[in-house]
Amino acid sequence: MQRVALAPVAEPELPLVVDAPHTVRPVVVRHIALATVQASAAALANLGLVYNDTGRTEQAESTYTQALAVYREVGDRRVEGNTLGNLAIVYQDTGRMQQAEATYEQALAIHREVGNRRFEGVHNCDFARCLLALGREADAARQWQQGAAILRELGDNTELESKTTAMREACAKAGIEPFDVPGETE
C-alpha cells in the first residue's frame, strides 16, 4: 500500500498519514473541480461586465445571475458582494430602481461583512445615484458621502473621479446642485 505523509494537522509531532490512492485523490479532484467552478464563475462575471458595458443588459443580467449562484454555492462572499453590486447596476440601468435598491443593500451588507472597503465605496456611490433617481435626495447625499469618503481614504482617485463625474451628471439630471466630494478643496 502506498502511503503519503502530509503536513501536521492536530498534533504537531504526529504527521497525518493517509492512504494516497483512496483518500487523497478524491480530495484533489474536489479541489480541482472547485477551482474550475470558481474560474467559470469569474469568467461569467467578467462576461457580464462586457455585456453591460456594450449595452447588452439582458445578457449581463443572465451571466451575473449564473455567476452569483456559483459564488453562493462555493461560499465566496467577497465576490458574491461584487457580483450583486454589478447586478444592481444592471437593474438601475434598466429602470428597475426598487430591485436595484434591494440588491445594492445586499451587496453593501456583504462588503461590510467581509471588509471589502473598495467595493463598499464603489457601490455606495452607485447606490447614491439610484436613490437620487428614486427622488430621495437626502438619502442619496448620505450614501454618496459615505462612498466618496471611502474611495478618498483608500486613495482610489481614478474611481472617485469616475464616480464624481457620474454623480454630477445624475444631479444635473435631477435639477439639483452636485453633492460635495469629501476632502475636496475649492
N, C-alpha and C. Protein backbone atom coordinates (compact mmCIF):
# COMPACT_ATOMS: atom_id res chain seq x y z
N MET A 1 0.84 -1.17 0.00
CA MET A 1 0.00 0.00 0.00
C MET A 1 0.89 1.24 0.00
N GLN A 2 0.58 2.19 -0.87
CA GLN A 2 1.34 3.43 -0.96
C GLN A 2 0.82 4.41 0.08
N ARG A 3 1.73 5.04 0.83
CA ARG A 3 1.32 5.98 1.87
C ARG A 3 2.05 7.30 1.65
N VAL A 4 1.39 8.35 2.08
CA VAL A 4 1.93 9.69 1.90
C VAL A 4 1.81 10.42 3.23
N ALA A 5 2.82 11.17 3.61
CA ALA A 5 2.75 11.99 4.82
C ALA A 5 2.42 13.41 4.42
N LEU A 6 1.41 13.96 5.06
CA LEU A 6 1.02 15.34 4.80
C LEU A 6 1.42 16.20 5.99
N ALA A 7 1.26 17.47 5.84
CA ALA A 7 1.60 18.41 6.92
C ALA A 7 0.82 18.06 8.18
N PRO A 8 1.40 18.32 9.34
CA PRO A 8 0.71 18.04 10.60
C PRO A 8 -0.60 18.82 10.69
N VAL A 9 -1.59 18.18 11.30
CA VAL A 9 -2.87 18.84 11.43
C VAL A 9 -3.15 19.17 12.89
N ALA A 10 -3.60 18.18 13.68
CA ALA A 10 -3.99 18.45 15.05
C ALA A 10 -2.80 18.37 16.01
N GLU A 11 -2.00 17.35 15.87
CA GLU A 11 -0.85 17.14 16.73
C GLU A 11 0.42 17.47 15.96
N PRO A 12 1.11 18.55 16.28
CA PRO A 12 2.30 18.94 15.53
C PRO A 12 3.36 17.85 15.44
N GLU A 13 3.47 16.98 16.47
CA GLU A 13 4.50 15.96 16.42
C GLU A 13 4.07 14.70 15.67
N LEU A 14 2.79 14.60 15.28
CA LEU A 14 2.30 13.43 14.57
C LEU A 14 1.76 13.84 13.19
N PRO A 15 2.53 13.58 12.12
CA PRO A 15 2.01 13.93 10.80
C PRO A 15 0.83 13.05 10.43
N LEU A 16 -0.12 13.63 9.70
CA LEU A 16 -1.28 12.89 9.23
C LEU A 16 -0.83 11.98 8.09
N VAL A 17 -1.09 10.70 8.22
CA VAL A 17 -0.71 9.75 7.18
C VAL A 17 -1.99 9.20 6.59
N VAL A 18 -2.07 9.22 5.26
CA VAL A 18 -3.28 8.76 4.59
C VAL A 18 -2.94 7.77 3.50
N ASP A 19 -3.91 7.00 3.13
CA ASP A 19 -3.78 6.08 2.01
C ASP A 19 -3.97 6.90 0.75
N ALA A 20 -2.88 7.24 0.07
CA ALA A 20 -2.90 8.18 -1.05
C ALA A 20 -3.91 7.85 -2.14
N PRO A 21 -3.91 6.65 -2.70
CA PRO A 21 -4.82 6.41 -3.81
C PRO A 21 -6.29 6.52 -3.43
N HIS A 22 -6.64 6.18 -2.21
CA HIS A 22 -8.05 6.13 -1.84
C HIS A 22 -8.54 7.39 -1.14
N THR A 23 -7.67 8.10 -0.48
CA THR A 23 -8.09 9.26 0.30
C THR A 23 -7.72 10.59 -0.34
N VAL A 24 -6.51 10.70 -0.81
CA VAL A 24 -6.04 11.98 -1.34
C VAL A 24 -6.67 12.29 -2.69
N ARG A 25 -6.78 11.30 -3.56
CA ARG A 25 -7.29 11.55 -4.91
C ARG A 25 -8.66 12.23 -4.90
N PRO A 26 -9.65 11.74 -4.15
CA PRO A 26 -10.95 12.43 -4.15
C PRO A 26 -10.86 13.87 -3.65
N VAL A 27 -9.98 14.10 -2.69
CA VAL A 27 -9.80 15.46 -2.18
C VAL A 27 -9.21 16.35 -3.26
N VAL A 28 -8.19 15.85 -3.95
CA VAL A 28 -7.56 16.61 -5.03
C VAL A 28 -8.56 16.88 -6.15
N VAL A 29 -9.32 15.86 -6.53
CA VAL A 29 -10.32 16.03 -7.59
C VAL A 29 -11.34 17.09 -7.18
N ARG A 30 -11.77 17.07 -5.93
CA ARG A 30 -12.74 18.06 -5.43
C ARG A 30 -12.15 19.47 -5.50
N HIS A 31 -10.90 19.62 -5.11
CA HIS A 31 -10.26 20.94 -5.16
C HIS A 31 -10.13 21.43 -6.59
N ILE A 32 -9.77 20.54 -7.50
CA ILE A 32 -9.67 20.93 -8.91
C ILE A 32 -11.04 21.34 -9.43
N ALA A 33 -12.06 20.56 -9.10
CA ALA A 33 -13.42 20.89 -9.56
C ALA A 33 -13.86 22.23 -9.00
N LEU A 34 -13.58 22.47 -7.73
CA LEU A 34 -13.95 23.74 -7.11
C LEU A 34 -13.24 24.90 -7.78
N ALA A 35 -11.96 24.73 -8.05
CA ALA A 35 -11.20 25.79 -8.74
C ALA A 35 -11.77 26.03 -10.13
N THR A 36 -12.16 24.97 -10.81
CA THR A 36 -12.75 25.10 -12.15
C THR A 36 -14.09 25.81 -12.07
N VAL A 37 -14.89 25.47 -11.08
CA VAL A 37 -16.19 26.12 -10.90
C VAL A 37 -16.00 27.61 -10.63
N GLN A 38 -15.06 27.95 -9.75
CA GLN A 38 -14.82 29.36 -9.44
C GLN A 38 -14.26 30.10 -10.65
N ALA A 39 -13.41 29.45 -11.42
CA ALA A 39 -12.88 30.09 -12.63
C ALA A 39 -14.00 30.33 -13.63
N SER A 40 -14.92 29.38 -13.73
CA SER A 40 -16.07 29.55 -14.63
C SER A 40 -16.94 30.71 -14.17
N ALA A 41 -17.16 30.83 -12.87
CA ALA A 41 -17.96 31.93 -12.34
C ALA A 41 -17.27 33.26 -12.60
N ALA A 42 -15.95 33.30 -12.44
CA ALA A 42 -15.21 34.53 -12.72
C ALA A 42 -15.33 34.91 -14.19
N ALA A 43 -15.26 33.91 -15.06
CA ALA A 43 -15.42 34.19 -16.49
C ALA A 43 -16.81 34.73 -16.78
N LEU A 44 -17.82 34.15 -16.15
CA LEU A 44 -19.19 34.64 -16.33
C LEU A 44 -19.33 36.08 -15.84
N ALA A 45 -18.78 36.37 -14.66
CA ALA A 45 -18.88 37.72 -14.12
C ALA A 45 -18.17 38.72 -15.02
N ASN A 46 -17.01 38.34 -15.54
CA ASN A 46 -16.29 39.23 -16.46
C ASN A 46 -17.06 39.42 -17.76
N LEU A 47 -17.69 38.36 -18.25
CA LEU A 47 -18.52 38.46 -19.44
C LEU A 47 -19.70 39.39 -19.18
N GLY A 48 -20.25 39.32 -17.97
CA GLY A 48 -21.34 40.23 -17.59
C GLY A 48 -20.91 41.68 -17.68
N LEU A 49 -19.68 41.97 -17.25
CA LEU A 49 -19.15 43.34 -17.36
C LEU A 49 -19.10 43.79 -18.82
N VAL A 50 -18.61 42.90 -19.69
CA VAL A 50 -18.52 43.23 -21.11
C VAL A 50 -19.91 43.45 -21.68
N TYR A 51 -20.84 42.55 -21.37
CA TYR A 51 -22.21 42.72 -21.86
C TYR A 51 -22.80 44.05 -21.40
N ASN A 52 -22.63 44.36 -20.12
CA ASN A 52 -23.22 45.61 -19.61
C ASN A 52 -22.55 46.83 -20.24
N ASP A 53 -21.24 46.79 -20.38
CA ASP A 53 -20.51 47.91 -20.98
C ASP A 53 -20.88 48.14 -22.44
N THR A 54 -21.38 47.09 -23.11
CA THR A 54 -21.75 47.21 -24.52
C THR A 54 -23.26 47.27 -24.71
N GLY A 55 -23.98 47.54 -23.61
CA GLY A 55 -25.42 47.76 -23.70
C GLY A 55 -26.27 46.50 -23.82
N ARG A 56 -25.68 45.35 -23.62
CA ARG A 56 -26.45 44.09 -23.70
C ARG A 56 -26.85 43.67 -22.29
N THR A 57 -27.81 44.42 -21.74
CA THR A 57 -28.16 44.26 -20.33
C THR A 57 -28.85 42.93 -20.03
N GLU A 58 -29.63 42.39 -20.96
CA GLU A 58 -30.26 41.09 -20.70
C GLU A 58 -29.21 40.00 -20.53
N GLN A 59 -28.22 40.01 -21.41
CA GLN A 59 -27.14 39.02 -21.29
C GLN A 59 -26.32 39.27 -20.03
N ALA A 60 -26.09 40.54 -19.69
CA ALA A 60 -25.35 40.86 -18.47
C ALA A 60 -26.08 40.32 -17.25
N GLU A 61 -27.37 40.57 -17.20
CA GLU A 61 -28.16 40.10 -16.06
C GLU A 61 -28.10 38.57 -15.95
N SER A 62 -28.25 37.90 -17.06
CA SER A 62 -28.23 36.43 -17.07
C SER A 62 -26.88 35.89 -16.60
N THR A 63 -25.79 36.45 -17.10
CA THR A 63 -24.47 35.93 -16.72
C THR A 63 -24.14 36.28 -15.27
N TYR A 64 -24.53 37.47 -14.81
CA TYR A 64 -24.31 37.81 -13.39
C TYR A 64 -25.10 36.86 -12.49
N THR A 65 -26.33 36.56 -12.89
CA THR A 65 -27.17 35.67 -12.08
C THR A 65 -26.55 34.27 -12.00
N GLN A 66 -26.03 33.79 -13.11
CA GLN A 66 -25.36 32.48 -13.11
C GLN A 66 -24.11 32.51 -12.22
N ALA A 67 -23.30 33.55 -12.36
CA ALA A 67 -22.08 33.67 -11.55
C ALA A 67 -22.44 33.76 -10.07
N LEU A 68 -23.48 34.52 -9.76
CA LEU A 68 -23.92 34.70 -8.38
C LEU A 68 -24.29 33.35 -7.75
N ALA A 69 -24.99 32.52 -8.49
CA ALA A 69 -25.38 31.20 -7.98
C ALA A 69 -24.14 30.37 -7.64
N VAL A 70 -23.13 30.44 -8.47
CA VAL A 70 -21.90 29.67 -8.22
C VAL A 70 -21.17 30.22 -7.00
N TYR A 71 -21.03 31.54 -6.92
CA TYR A 71 -20.33 32.13 -5.77
C TYR A 71 -21.04 31.79 -4.47
N ARG A 72 -22.35 31.76 -4.49
CA ARG A 72 -23.10 31.38 -3.29
C ARG A 72 -22.87 29.91 -2.96
N GLU A 73 -22.85 29.07 -3.99
CA GLU A 73 -22.65 27.64 -3.79
C GLU A 73 -21.29 27.34 -3.16
N VAL A 74 -20.26 28.03 -3.62
CA VAL A 74 -18.91 27.76 -3.10
C VAL A 74 -18.57 28.62 -1.88
N GLY A 75 -19.46 29.55 -1.53
CA GLY A 75 -19.26 30.35 -0.33
C GLY A 75 -18.26 31.48 -0.47
N ASP A 76 -18.09 32.01 -1.67
CA ASP A 76 -17.16 33.13 -1.88
C ASP A 76 -17.92 34.44 -1.69
N ARG A 77 -18.03 34.86 -0.43
CA ARG A 77 -18.84 36.03 -0.08
C ARG A 77 -18.29 37.32 -0.70
N ARG A 78 -16.99 37.46 -0.75
CA ARG A 78 -16.40 38.68 -1.29
C ARG A 78 -16.85 38.92 -2.73
N VAL A 79 -16.71 37.90 -3.57
CA VAL A 79 -17.07 38.06 -4.98
C VAL A 79 -18.59 38.03 -5.14
N GLU A 80 -19.29 37.38 -4.24
CA GLU A 80 -20.76 37.44 -4.24
C GLU A 80 -21.21 38.89 -4.09
N GLY A 81 -20.58 39.62 -3.17
CA GLY A 81 -20.92 41.03 -2.98
C GLY A 81 -20.62 41.86 -4.21
N ASN A 82 -19.46 41.63 -4.83
CA ASN A 82 -19.10 42.36 -6.05
C ASN A 82 -20.12 42.10 -7.15
N THR A 83 -20.50 40.83 -7.31
CA THR A 83 -21.44 40.46 -8.37
C THR A 83 -22.82 41.04 -8.10
N LEU A 84 -23.25 41.03 -6.84
CA LEU A 84 -24.53 41.66 -6.50
C LEU A 84 -24.52 43.15 -6.85
N GLY A 85 -23.42 43.83 -6.54
CA GLY A 85 -23.32 45.25 -6.89
C GLY A 85 -23.41 45.48 -8.38
N ASN A 86 -22.75 44.62 -9.16
CA ASN A 86 -22.82 44.75 -10.62
C ASN A 86 -24.22 44.45 -11.14
N LEU A 87 -24.89 43.48 -10.52
CA LEU A 87 -26.26 43.17 -10.90
C LEU A 87 -27.19 44.34 -10.57
N ALA A 88 -26.95 45.00 -9.44
CA ALA A 88 -27.74 46.18 -9.07
C ALA A 88 -27.59 47.28 -10.12
N ILE A 89 -26.39 47.43 -10.65
CA ILE A 89 -26.16 48.43 -11.71
C ILE A 89 -27.01 48.11 -12.93
N VAL A 90 -27.09 46.83 -13.29
CA VAL A 90 -27.94 46.42 -14.43
C VAL A 90 -29.39 46.78 -14.14
N TYR A 91 -29.87 46.47 -12.94
CA TYR A 91 -31.25 46.81 -12.58
C TYR A 91 -31.47 48.32 -12.69
N GLN A 92 -30.51 49.07 -12.18
CA GLN A 92 -30.60 50.53 -12.22
C GLN A 92 -30.62 51.03 -13.67
N ASP A 93 -29.71 50.51 -14.48
CA ASP A 93 -29.62 50.94 -15.88
C ASP A 93 -30.88 50.61 -16.68
N THR A 94 -31.64 49.61 -16.22
CA THR A 94 -32.86 49.21 -16.93
C THR A 94 -34.12 49.72 -16.23
N GLY A 95 -33.94 50.67 -15.30
CA GLY A 95 -35.08 51.34 -14.68
C GLY A 95 -35.78 50.57 -13.58
N ARG A 96 -35.20 49.49 -13.11
CA ARG A 96 -35.81 48.71 -12.02
C ARG A 96 -35.20 49.16 -10.69
N MET A 97 -35.58 50.36 -10.28
CA MET A 97 -34.93 51.01 -9.15
C MET A 97 -35.17 50.31 -7.82
N GLN A 98 -36.38 49.80 -7.58
CA GLN A 98 -36.63 49.10 -6.31
C GLN A 98 -35.78 47.84 -6.23
N GLN A 99 -35.69 47.12 -7.33
CA GLN A 99 -34.86 45.91 -7.36
C GLN A 99 -33.38 46.29 -7.20
N ALA A 100 -32.97 47.38 -7.83
CA ALA A 100 -31.59 47.86 -7.68
C ALA A 100 -31.31 48.21 -6.22
N GLU A 101 -32.24 48.93 -5.60
CA GLU A 101 -32.05 49.32 -4.20
C GLU A 101 -31.85 48.10 -3.30
N ALA A 102 -32.72 47.12 -3.42
CA ALA A 102 -32.61 45.91 -2.58
C ALA A 102 -31.30 45.17 -2.84
N THR A 103 -30.88 45.15 -4.09
CA THR A 103 -29.65 44.43 -4.45
C THR A 103 -28.42 45.18 -3.96
N TYR A 104 -28.43 46.52 -4.07
CA TYR A 104 -27.32 47.31 -3.50
C TYR A 104 -27.21 47.06 -2.00
N GLU A 105 -28.35 47.03 -1.31
CA GLU A 105 -28.31 46.82 0.14
C GLU A 105 -27.69 45.47 0.49
N GLN A 106 -28.02 44.43 -0.29
CA GLN A 106 -27.41 43.12 -0.07
C GLN A 106 -25.90 43.17 -0.31
N ALA A 107 -25.52 43.80 -1.41
CA ALA A 107 -24.09 43.90 -1.76
C ALA A 107 -23.33 44.64 -0.67
N LEU A 108 -23.86 45.76 -0.22
CA LEU A 108 -23.17 46.57 0.79
C LEU A 108 -23.06 45.83 2.11
N ALA A 109 -24.08 45.07 2.48
CA ALA A 109 -24.01 44.29 3.72
C ALA A 109 -22.87 43.27 3.63
N ILE A 110 -22.73 42.64 2.48
CA ILE A 110 -21.65 41.66 2.31
C ILE A 110 -20.30 42.36 2.30
N HIS A 111 -20.19 43.49 1.60
CA HIS A 111 -18.91 44.22 1.58
C HIS A 111 -18.47 44.56 3.00
N ARG A 112 -19.41 45.00 3.84
CA ARG A 112 -19.08 45.34 5.23
C ARG A 112 -18.67 44.09 6.00
N GLU A 113 -19.42 43.01 5.79
CA GLU A 113 -19.15 41.74 6.48
C GLU A 113 -17.75 41.22 6.20
N VAL A 114 -17.32 41.30 4.94
CA VAL A 114 -16.02 40.73 4.57
C VAL A 114 -14.90 41.76 4.54
N GLY A 115 -15.23 43.03 4.81
CA GLY A 115 -14.20 44.07 4.82
C GLY A 115 -13.72 44.50 3.45
N ASN A 116 -14.59 44.43 2.47
CA ASN A 116 -14.24 44.83 1.10
C ASN A 116 -14.50 46.33 0.95
N ARG A 117 -13.59 47.12 1.46
CA ARG A 117 -13.77 48.58 1.52
C ARG A 117 -13.87 49.21 0.13
N ARG A 118 -13.06 48.75 -0.81
CA ARG A 118 -13.08 49.38 -2.14
C ARG A 118 -14.47 49.27 -2.76
N PHE A 119 -15.01 48.06 -2.79
CA PHE A 119 -16.32 47.91 -3.41
C PHE A 119 -17.44 48.45 -2.53
N GLU A 120 -17.21 48.56 -1.24
CA GLU A 120 -18.18 49.26 -0.40
C GLU A 120 -18.26 50.72 -0.85
N GLY A 121 -17.11 51.33 -1.11
CA GLY A 121 -17.09 52.71 -1.60
C GLY A 121 -17.71 52.84 -2.97
N VAL A 122 -17.30 51.96 -3.89
CA VAL A 122 -17.81 52.00 -5.27
C VAL A 122 -19.33 51.86 -5.28
N HIS A 123 -19.83 50.83 -4.59
CA HIS A 123 -21.27 50.56 -4.66
C HIS A 123 -22.09 51.54 -3.83
N ASN A 124 -21.51 52.15 -2.80
CA ASN A 124 -22.20 53.25 -2.11
C ASN A 124 -22.44 54.41 -3.08
N CYS A 125 -21.42 54.73 -3.86
CA CYS A 125 -21.56 55.83 -4.84
C CYS A 125 -22.61 55.49 -5.90
N ASP A 126 -22.60 54.27 -6.39
CA ASP A 126 -23.60 53.84 -7.38
C ASP A 126 -25.00 53.86 -6.76
N PHE A 127 -25.10 53.38 -5.53
CA PHE A 127 -26.39 53.34 -4.83
C PHE A 127 -26.92 54.76 -4.65
N ALA A 128 -26.04 55.71 -4.41
CA ALA A 128 -26.47 57.11 -4.26
C ALA A 128 -27.19 57.60 -5.52
N ARG A 129 -26.68 57.23 -6.68
CA ARG A 129 -27.36 57.63 -7.94
C ARG A 129 -28.73 56.98 -8.04
N CYS A 130 -28.84 55.74 -7.59
CA CYS A 130 -30.13 55.04 -7.59
C CYS A 130 -31.12 55.77 -6.68
N LEU A 131 -30.67 56.11 -5.47
CA LEU A 131 -31.54 56.81 -4.53
C LEU A 131 -31.96 58.17 -5.07
N LEU A 132 -31.06 58.85 -5.75
CA LEU A 132 -31.38 60.14 -6.35
C LEU A 132 -32.46 59.96 -7.42
N ALA A 133 -32.33 58.92 -8.22
CA ALA A 133 -33.34 58.63 -9.26
C ALA A 133 -34.70 58.30 -8.64
N LEU A 134 -34.69 57.78 -7.42
CA LEU A 134 -35.93 57.49 -6.70
C LEU A 134 -36.50 58.73 -6.01
N GLY A 135 -35.81 59.87 -6.14
CA GLY A 135 -36.28 61.12 -5.54
C GLY A 135 -35.92 61.28 -4.08
N ARG A 136 -35.00 60.49 -3.59
CA ARG A 136 -34.60 60.53 -2.18
C ARG A 136 -33.26 61.24 -2.05
N GLU A 137 -33.30 62.55 -2.23
CA GLU A 137 -32.10 63.37 -2.29
C GLU A 137 -31.25 63.29 -1.03
N ALA A 138 -31.87 63.38 0.14
CA ALA A 138 -31.11 63.36 1.40
C ALA A 138 -30.42 62.00 1.59
N ASP A 139 -31.14 60.92 1.31
CA ASP A 139 -30.54 59.58 1.41
C ASP A 139 -29.40 59.43 0.42
N ALA A 140 -29.62 59.94 -0.79
CA ALA A 140 -28.59 59.87 -1.83
C ALA A 140 -27.34 60.62 -1.40
N ALA A 141 -27.53 61.80 -0.82
CA ALA A 141 -26.38 62.61 -0.38
C ALA A 141 -25.58 61.87 0.70
N ARG A 142 -26.29 61.25 1.65
CA ARG A 142 -25.60 60.49 2.71
C ARG A 142 -24.83 59.31 2.13
N GLN A 143 -25.47 58.57 1.22
CA GLN A 143 -24.83 57.41 0.61
C GLN A 143 -23.60 57.85 -0.18
N TRP A 144 -23.75 58.95 -0.91
CA TRP A 144 -22.64 59.49 -1.70
C TRP A 144 -21.47 59.86 -0.79
N GLN A 145 -21.75 60.56 0.29
CA GLN A 145 -20.69 60.99 1.21
C GLN A 145 -19.93 59.77 1.75
N GLN A 146 -20.67 58.72 2.11
CA GLN A 146 -20.02 57.51 2.64
C GLN A 146 -19.10 56.88 1.59
N GLY A 147 -19.64 56.70 0.39
CA GLY A 147 -18.87 56.05 -0.67
C GLY A 147 -17.66 56.86 -1.10
N ALA A 148 -17.87 58.15 -1.31
CA ALA A 148 -16.77 59.01 -1.74
C ALA A 148 -15.68 59.10 -0.67
N ALA A 149 -16.10 59.14 0.60
CA ALA A 149 -15.11 59.20 1.69
C ALA A 149 -14.26 57.93 1.72
N ILE A 150 -14.88 56.78 1.50
CA ILE A 150 -14.13 55.52 1.48
C ILE A 150 -13.12 55.52 0.33
N LEU A 151 -13.56 55.91 -0.86
CA LEU A 151 -12.65 55.92 -2.01
C LEU A 151 -11.50 56.90 -1.78
N ARG A 152 -11.80 58.06 -1.20
CA ARG A 152 -10.74 59.03 -0.90
C ARG A 152 -9.77 58.44 0.13
N GLU A 153 -10.31 57.83 1.17
CA GLU A 153 -9.48 57.22 2.22
C GLU A 153 -8.55 56.15 1.64
N LEU A 154 -9.05 55.39 0.68
CA LEU A 154 -8.25 54.33 0.06
C LEU A 154 -7.27 54.87 -0.98
N GLY A 155 -7.41 56.14 -1.33
CA GLY A 155 -6.55 56.73 -2.35
C GLY A 155 -6.90 56.30 -3.76
N ASP A 156 -8.13 55.85 -3.95
CA ASP A 156 -8.58 55.39 -5.27
C ASP A 156 -9.14 56.59 -6.04
N ASN A 157 -8.23 57.47 -6.44
CA ASN A 157 -8.64 58.72 -7.08
C ASN A 157 -9.25 58.52 -8.46
N THR A 158 -8.81 57.51 -9.18
CA THR A 158 -9.36 57.24 -10.51
C THR A 158 -10.83 56.85 -10.40
N GLU A 159 -11.14 55.94 -9.48
CA GLU A 159 -12.53 55.52 -9.28
C GLU A 159 -13.36 56.67 -8.73
N LEU A 160 -12.79 57.43 -7.79
CA LEU A 160 -13.51 58.57 -7.23
C LEU A 160 -13.84 59.59 -8.30
N GLU A 161 -12.90 59.86 -9.18
CA GLU A 161 -13.15 60.81 -10.27
C GLU A 161 -14.27 60.31 -11.19
N SER A 162 -14.24 59.04 -11.51
CA SER A 162 -15.28 58.45 -12.36
C SER A 162 -16.65 58.54 -11.69
N LYS A 163 -16.71 58.20 -10.41
CA LYS A 163 -17.99 58.24 -9.68
C LYS A 163 -18.46 59.68 -9.50
N THR A 164 -17.53 60.62 -9.31
CA THR A 164 -17.89 62.03 -9.17
C THR A 164 -18.52 62.55 -10.45
N THR A 165 -17.94 62.20 -11.58
CA THR A 165 -18.50 62.62 -12.87
C THR A 165 -19.91 62.07 -13.04
N ALA A 166 -20.09 60.78 -12.74
CA ALA A 166 -21.42 60.16 -12.87
C ALA A 166 -22.42 60.81 -11.92
N MET A 167 -21.98 61.13 -10.69
CA MET A 167 -22.89 61.75 -9.72
C MET A 167 -23.26 63.17 -10.14
N ARG A 168 -22.30 63.91 -10.66
CA ARG A 168 -22.61 65.27 -11.13
C ARG A 168 -23.62 65.23 -12.26
N GLU A 169 -23.49 64.26 -13.17
CA GLU A 169 -24.46 64.11 -14.25
C GLU A 169 -25.84 63.76 -13.69
N ALA A 170 -25.87 62.88 -12.69
CA ALA A 170 -27.15 62.49 -12.08
C ALA A 170 -27.79 63.67 -11.36
N CYS A 171 -26.98 64.48 -10.68
CA CYS A 171 -27.51 65.67 -10.00
C CYS A 171 -28.06 66.67 -11.02
N ALA A 172 -27.34 66.87 -12.12
CA ALA A 172 -27.81 67.78 -13.17
C ALA A 172 -29.14 67.29 -13.73
N LYS A 173 -29.24 65.99 -13.97
CA LYS A 173 -30.48 65.41 -14.49
C LYS A 173 -31.63 65.60 -13.51
N ALA A 174 -31.32 65.53 -12.20
CA ALA A 174 -32.33 65.72 -11.17
C ALA A 174 -32.62 67.19 -10.90
N GLY A 175 -31.84 68.08 -11.51
CA GLY A 175 -32.05 69.51 -11.34
C GLY A 175 -31.60 70.04 -9.99
N ILE A 176 -30.57 69.42 -9.42
CA ILE A 176 -30.06 69.88 -8.12
C ILE A 176 -28.57 70.17 -8.23
N GLU A 177 -28.05 70.88 -7.24
CA GLU A 177 -26.62 71.15 -7.18
C GLU A 177 -25.87 69.85 -6.92
N PRO A 178 -24.67 69.72 -7.49
CA PRO A 178 -23.88 68.49 -7.26
C PRO A 178 -23.54 68.33 -5.78
N PHE A 179 -23.48 67.09 -5.34
CA PHE A 179 -23.08 66.80 -3.97
C PHE A 179 -21.60 67.09 -3.81
N ASP A 180 -21.21 67.51 -2.61
CA ASP A 180 -19.80 67.74 -2.31
C ASP A 180 -19.05 66.42 -2.30
N VAL A 181 -17.77 66.51 -2.63
CA VAL A 181 -16.88 65.35 -2.52
C VAL A 181 -16.10 65.54 -1.23
N PRO A 182 -16.19 64.58 -0.29
CA PRO A 182 -15.46 64.73 0.97
C PRO A 182 -13.97 64.95 0.73
N GLY A 183 -13.42 65.95 1.41
CA GLY A 183 -12.00 66.23 1.32
C GLY A 183 -11.58 67.04 0.11
N GLU A 184 -12.54 67.39 -0.75
CA GLU A 184 -12.21 68.17 -1.95
C GLU A 184 -12.07 69.64 -1.57
N THR A 185 -11.01 70.26 -2.03
CA THR A 185 -10.81 71.68 -1.75
C THR A 185 -11.30 72.49 -2.93
N GLU A 186 -11.83 73.61 -2.62
CA GLU A 186 -12.37 74.50 -3.66
C GLU A 186 -11.27 75.28 -4.31
